[in-house]
Amino acid sequence: MDPKHCPESEPMLDSLSSNNPNIILNRLDEPISLKKSVRSCTQHLISKFVSYEGLSPIFCAFTTNLSNFGVPRTIKEALAIPEWKVIVLDEMQGLKRIVRGI
């Protein structure tokens, strides 16, 4: 085994993971955090590499307050908030341009 590789960091696939379009479409209103696979690695704790020590006071205040901002959990919630709706529609246009090769 490669010593740099942490086997625990491999994604754990849930039973709903599938390439079946019907399952994927049925999961569109599910929060993104539930769709993503879980990764964990106890061999390399992030707290050993990340700290607030080198951050500017303004950026430190920004990062510590991130949890105070709500993020819509579904597309329906996002489209109901004007600011989020603009962002969602902009992202959708960008994806359409990528698909069309523009």
C-alpha atoms as a PDB file:
ATOM      1  CA  MET A   1       0.000   0.000   0.000  1.00  0.00           C
ATOM      2  CA  ASP A   2       1.196   3.483  -0.851  1.00  0.00           C
ATOM      3  CA  PRO A   3       2.080   5.227   2.459  1.00  0.00           C
ATOM      4  CA  LYS A   4       0.790   8.550   1.108  1.00  0.00           C
ATOM      5  CA  HIS A   5      -2.611   7.059   0.354  1.00  0.00           C
ATOM      6  CA  CYS A   6      -5.228   7.013   3.061  1.00  0.00           C
ATOM      7  CA  PRO A   7      -7.679   4.149   2.384  1.00  0.00           C
ATOM      8  CA  GLU A   8     -10.284   5.747   4.635  1.00  0.00           C
ATOM      9  CA  SER A   9     -10.476   8.718   2.273  1.00  0.00           C
ATOM     10  CA  GLU A  10     -12.112   6.624  -0.439  1.00  0.00           C
ATOM     11  CA  PRO A  11     -15.753   7.615  -0.902  1.00  0.00           C
ATOM     12  CA  MET A  12     -18.295   5.339   0.711  1.00  0.00           C
ATOM     13  CA  LEU A  13     -21.009   4.765  -1.847  1.00  0.00           C
ATOM     14  CA  ASP A  14     -24.520   4.500  -0.531  1.00  0.00           C
ATOM     15  CA  SER A  15     -27.084   2.040  -1.799  1.00  0.00           C
ATOM     16  CA  LEU A  16     -28.802   4.760  -3.844  1.00  0.00           C
ATOM     17  CA  SER A  17     -25.714   5.444  -5.953  1.00  0.00           C
ATOM     18  CA  SER A  18     -26.616   4.500  -9.468  1.00  0.00           C
ATOM     19  CA  ASN A  19     -26.399   5.598 -13.049  1.00  0.00           C
ATOM     20  CA  ASN A  20     -30.122   4.952 -13.405  1.00  0.00           C
ATOM     21  CA  PRO A  21     -31.642   8.272 -14.604  1.00  0.00           C
ATOM     22  CA  ASN A  22     -34.926   7.623 -12.774  1.00  0.00           C
ATOM     23  CA  ILE A  23     -33.163   7.374  -9.421  1.00  0.00           C
ATOM     24  CA  ILE A  24     -31.074  10.454 -10.174  1.00  0.00           C
ATOM     25  CA  LEU A  25     -34.144  12.495 -11.187  1.00  0.00           C
ATOM     26  CA  ASN A  26     -36.011  11.396  -8.062  1.00  0.00           C
ATOM     27  CA  ARG A  27     -33.122  12.705  -5.931  1.00  0.00           C
ATOM     28  CA  LEU A  28     -33.080  16.267  -7.341  1.00  0.00           C
ATOM     29  CA  ASP A  29     -34.905  17.735  -4.346  1.00  0.00           C
ATOM     30  CA  GLU A  30     -32.648  15.924  -1.901  1.00  0.00           C
ATOM     31  CA  PRO A  31     -30.083  18.169  -0.165  1.00  0.00           C
ATOM     32  CA  ILE A  32     -26.677  18.105  -1.851  1.00  0.00           C
ATOM     33  CA  SER A  33     -24.998  17.094   1.392  1.00  0.00           C
ATOM     34  CA  LEU A  34     -26.990  13.850   1.367  1.00  0.00           C
ATOM     35  CA  LYS A  35     -26.154  13.120  -2.279  1.00  0.00           C
ATOM     36  CA  LYS A  36     -22.416  13.407  -1.772  1.00  0.00           C
ATOM     37  CA  SER A  37     -20.475  10.436  -0.542  1.00  0.00           C
ATOM     38  CA  VAL A  38     -18.838  10.592   2.866  1.00  0.00           C
ATOM     39  CA  ARG A  39     -15.076  10.840   3.082  1.00  0.00           C
ATOM     40  CA  SER A  40     -13.018  10.507   6.187  1.00  0.00           C
ATOM     41  CA  CYS A  41      -9.348  10.161   6.940  1.00  0.00           C
ATOM     42  CA  THR A  42      -8.077   9.798  10.467  1.00  0.00           C
ATOM     43  CA  GLN A  43      -4.480   9.330   9.321  1.00  0.00           C
ATOM     44  CA  HIS A  44      -4.105  12.984   8.264  1.00  0.00           C
ATOM     45  CA  LEU A  45      -6.136  15.279  10.514  1.00  0.00           C
ATOM     46  CA  ILE A  46      -6.879  18.609   8.832  1.00  0.00           C
ATOM     47  CA  SER A  47      -6.420  20.459  12.122  1.00  0.00           C
ATOM     48  CA  LYS A  48      -2.676  19.745  11.886  1.00  0.00           C
ATOM     49  CA  PHE A  49      -2.460  21.717   8.631  1.00  0.00           C
ATOM     50  CA  VAL A  50      -5.100  24.462   8.877  1.00  0.00           C
ATOM     51  CA  SER A  51      -5.372  27.301  11.380  1.00  0.00           C
ATOM     52  CA  TYR A  52      -6.668  30.851  11.690  1.00  0.00           C
ATOM     53  CA  GLU A  53      -3.202  32.062  12.723  1.00  0.00           C
ATOM     54  CA  GLY A  54      -2.071  33.386   9.317  1.00  0.00           C
ATOM     55  CA  LEU A  55      -5.386  34.955   8.307  1.00  0.00           C
ATOM     56  CA  SER A  56      -5.995  38.693   8.199  1.00  0.00           C
ATOM     57  CA  PRO A  57      -8.490  39.901  10.835  1.00  0.00           C
ATOM     58  CA  ILE A  58     -11.117  40.609   8.159  1.00  0.00           C
ATOM     59  CA  PHE A  59     -10.798  37.180   6.545  1.00  0.00           C
ATOM     60  CA  CYS A  60     -10.753  35.507   9.974  1.00  0.00           C
ATOM     61  CA  ALA A  61     -14.037  37.269  10.817  1.00  0.00           C
ATOM     62  CA  PHE A  62     -15.461  36.187   7.456  1.00  0.00           C
ATOM     63  CA  THR A  63     -14.544  32.509   7.913  1.00  0.00           C
ATOM     64  CA  THR A  64     -15.802  32.331  11.481  1.00  0.00           C
ATOM     65  CA  ASN A  65     -19.190  33.759  10.428  1.00  0.00           C
ATOM     66  CA  LEU A  66     -19.802  31.476   7.457  1.00  0.00           C
ATOM     67  CA  SER A  67     -22.003  29.189   9.525  1.00  0.00           C
ATOM     68  CA  ASN A  68     -24.366  32.118  10.202  1.00  0.00           C
ATOM     69  CA  PHE A  69     -25.486  32.203   6.562  1.00  0.00           C
ATOM     70  CA  GLY A  70     -28.170  29.833   5.383  1.00  0.00           C
ATOM     71  CA  VAL A  71     -27.803  27.896   2.170  1.00  0.00           C
ATOM     72  CA  PRO A  72     -30.906  26.567   0.423  1.00  0.00           C
ATOM     73  CA  ARG A  73     -31.166  22.800   0.720  1.00  0.00           C
ATOM     74  CA  THR A  74     -33.200  22.216  -2.452  1.00  0.00           C
ATOM     75  CA  ILE A  75     -33.586  23.847  -5.860  1.00  0.00           C
ATOM     76  CA  LYS A  76     -37.132  24.828  -4.884  1.00  0.00           C
ATOM     77  CA  GLU A  77     -35.814  26.765  -1.872  1.00  0.00           C
ATOM     78  CA  ALA A  78     -33.068  28.388  -3.967  1.00  0.00           C
ATOM     79  CA  LEU A  79     -35.493  29.568  -6.640  1.00  0.00           C
ATOM     80  CA  ALA A  80     -37.752  31.114  -3.979  1.00  0.00           C
ATOM     81  CA  ILE A  81     -34.962  33.519  -2.882  1.00  0.00           C
ATOM     82  CA  PRO A  82     -34.336  36.252  -5.496  1.00  0.00           C
ATOM     83  CA  GLU A  83     -30.558  36.424  -4.928  1.00  0.00           C
ATOM     84  CA  TRP A  84     -30.185  32.651  -5.173  1.00  0.00           C
ATOM     85  CA  LYS A  85     -32.495  32.457  -8.185  1.00  0.00           C
ATOM     86  CA  VAL A  86     -30.176  34.777 -10.145  1.00  0.00           C
ATOM     87  CA  ILE A  87     -27.183  32.604  -9.246  1.00  0.00           C
ATOM     88  CA  VAL A  88     -28.956  29.334 -10.086  1.00  0.00           C
ATOM     89  CA  LEU A  89     -30.161  30.610 -13.463  1.00  0.00           C
ATOM     90  CA  ASP A  90     -26.682  31.962 -14.263  1.00  0.00           C
ATOM     91  CA  GLU A  91     -25.122  28.580 -13.444  1.00  0.00           C
ATOM     92  CA  MET A  92     -27.712  26.810 -15.591  1.00  0.00           C
ATOM     93  CA  GLN A  93     -26.895  29.096 -18.538  1.00  0.00           C
ATOM     94  CA  GLY A  94     -23.203  28.359 -18.051  1.00  0.00           C
ATOM     95  CA  LEU A  95     -23.857  24.617 -18.070  1.00  0.00           C
ATOM     96  CA  LYS A  96     -25.954  24.934 -21.232  1.00  0.00           C
ATOM     97  CA  ARG A  97     -23.081  26.796 -22.941  1.00  0.00           C
ATOM     98  CA  ILE A  98     -20.668  24.025 -21.935  1.00  0.00           C
ATOM     99  CA  VAL A  99     -22.994  21.312 -23.251  1.00  0.00           C
ATOM    100  CA  ARG A 100     -23.424  23.172 -26.547  1.00  0.00           C
ATOM    101  CA  GLY A 101     -19.667  23.720 -26.820  1.00  0.00           C
ATOM    102  CA  ILE A 102     -19.949  27.494 -26.924  1.00  0.00           C
END
